[in-house]
């Protein structure tokens, strides 16, 4: 209930998009911590670069 008051803009988008962002973040963190996968630190992108989302 507190999220509705504090962050009303979260209701503007689909919950699937928010859940997928968390899944992507977990995958990236797991890859970074896995010693067999040579994942690097994240690269910062430009703010005005290409933006995209996945809808399935």
C-alpha atoms as a PDB file:
ATOM      1  CA  UNK A   1       0.000   0.000   0.000  1.00  0.00           C
ATOM      2  CA  UNK A   2       2.831   2.427   0.736  1.00  0.00           C
ATOM      3  CA  UNK A   3       4.243   2.004  -2.784  1.00  0.00           C
ATOM      4  CA  UNK A   4       1.034   3.377  -4.269  1.00  0.00           C
ATOM      5  CA  UNK A   5       1.419   6.569  -2.246  1.00  0.00           C
ATOM      6  CA  UNK A   6       5.178   6.949  -2.535  1.00  0.00           C
ATOM      7  CA  UNK A   7       5.638   5.861  -6.179  1.00  0.00           C
ATOM      8  CA  UNK A   8       2.392   6.416  -8.095  1.00  0.00           C
ATOM      9  CA  UNK A   9       4.247   6.308 -11.449  1.00  0.00           C
ATOM     10  CA  UNK A  10       4.781   2.544 -11.020  1.00  0.00           C
ATOM     11  CA  UNK A  11       1.115   2.027 -11.901  1.00  0.00           C
ATOM     12  CA  UNK A  12       1.674   3.694 -15.292  1.00  0.00           C
ATOM     13  CA  UNK A  13       3.478   0.678 -16.744  1.00  0.00           C
ATOM     14  CA  UNK A  14       2.835  -3.022 -16.953  1.00  0.00           C
ATOM     15  CA  UNK A  15       4.002  -5.153 -14.038  1.00  0.00           C
ATOM     16  CA  UNK A  16       5.637  -7.540 -16.526  1.00  0.00           C
ATOM     17  CA  UNK A  17       8.180  -4.884 -17.492  1.00  0.00           C
ATOM     18  CA  UNK A  18       9.162  -4.321 -13.860  1.00  0.00           C
ATOM     19  CA  UNK A  19       9.441  -8.058 -13.187  1.00  0.00           C
ATOM     20  CA  UNK A  20      11.542  -8.601 -16.307  1.00  0.00           C
ATOM     21  CA  UNK A  21      13.921  -5.811 -15.260  1.00  0.00           C
ATOM     22  CA  UNK A  22      14.458  -7.576 -11.935  1.00  0.00           C
ATOM     23  CA  UNK A  23      15.060 -10.908 -13.710  1.00  0.00           C
ATOM     24  CA  UNK A  24      17.608  -9.278 -16.015  1.00  0.00           C
ATOM     25  CA  UNK A  25      19.355  -7.667 -13.049  1.00  0.00           C
ATOM     26  CA  UNK A  26      19.542 -11.020 -11.215  1.00  0.00           C
ATOM     27  CA  UNK A  27      20.961 -12.752 -14.295  1.00  0.00           C
ATOM     28  CA  UNK A  28      23.591 -10.049 -14.728  1.00  0.00           C
ATOM     29  CA  UNK A  29      24.589 -10.225 -11.068  1.00  0.00           C
ATOM     30  CA  UNK A  30      24.759 -14.042 -11.126  1.00  0.00           C
ATOM     31  CA  UNK A  31      26.946 -13.922 -14.254  1.00  0.00           C
ATOM     32  CA  UNK A  32      29.213 -11.340 -12.655  1.00  0.00           C
ATOM     33  CA  UNK A  33      29.688 -13.464  -9.517  1.00  0.00           C
ATOM     34  CA  UNK A  34      30.258 -16.702 -11.453  1.00  0.00           C
ATOM     35  CA  UNK A  35      34.000 -17.297 -11.849  1.00  0.00           C
ATOM     36  CA  UNK A  36      33.581 -19.482 -14.966  1.00  0.00           C
ATOM     37  CA  UNK A  37      31.858 -16.688 -16.883  1.00  0.00           C
ATOM     38  CA  UNK A  38      34.181 -13.776 -17.518  1.00  0.00           C
ATOM     39  CA  UNK A  39      31.609 -11.017 -16.999  1.00  0.00           C
ATOM     40  CA  UNK A  40      32.925  -7.498 -16.605  1.00  0.00           C
ATOM     41  CA  UNK A  41      31.729  -4.431 -14.770  1.00  0.00           C
ATOM     42  CA  UNK A  42      28.754  -2.759 -16.448  1.00  0.00           C
ATOM     43  CA  UNK A  43      29.395  -0.117 -19.068  1.00  0.00           C
ATOM     44  CA  UNK A  44      27.479   3.094 -18.683  1.00  0.00           C
ATOM     45  CA  UNK A  45      25.412   4.064 -21.685  1.00  0.00           C
ATOM     46  CA  UNK A  46      24.420   7.475 -22.917  1.00  0.00           C
ATOM     47  CA  UNK A  47      21.246   8.885 -21.465  1.00  0.00           C
ATOM     48  CA  UNK A  48      19.874   9.827 -24.879  1.00  0.00           C
ATOM     49  CA  UNK A  49      20.786   6.531 -26.529  1.00  0.00           C
ATOM     50  CA  UNK A  50      18.467   3.944 -28.025  1.00  0.00           C
ATOM     51  CA  UNK A  51      15.844   2.704 -25.595  1.00  0.00           C
ATOM     52  CA  UNK A  52      13.930  -0.525 -25.938  1.00  0.00           C
ATOM     53  CA  UNK A  53      11.720  -2.889 -23.969  1.00  0.00           C
ATOM     54  CA  UNK A  54      10.651  -6.498 -24.408  1.00  0.00           C
ATOM     55  CA  UNK A  55       6.975  -7.370 -24.530  1.00  0.00           C
ATOM     56  CA  UNK A  56       6.041 -11.029 -24.556  1.00  0.00           C
END
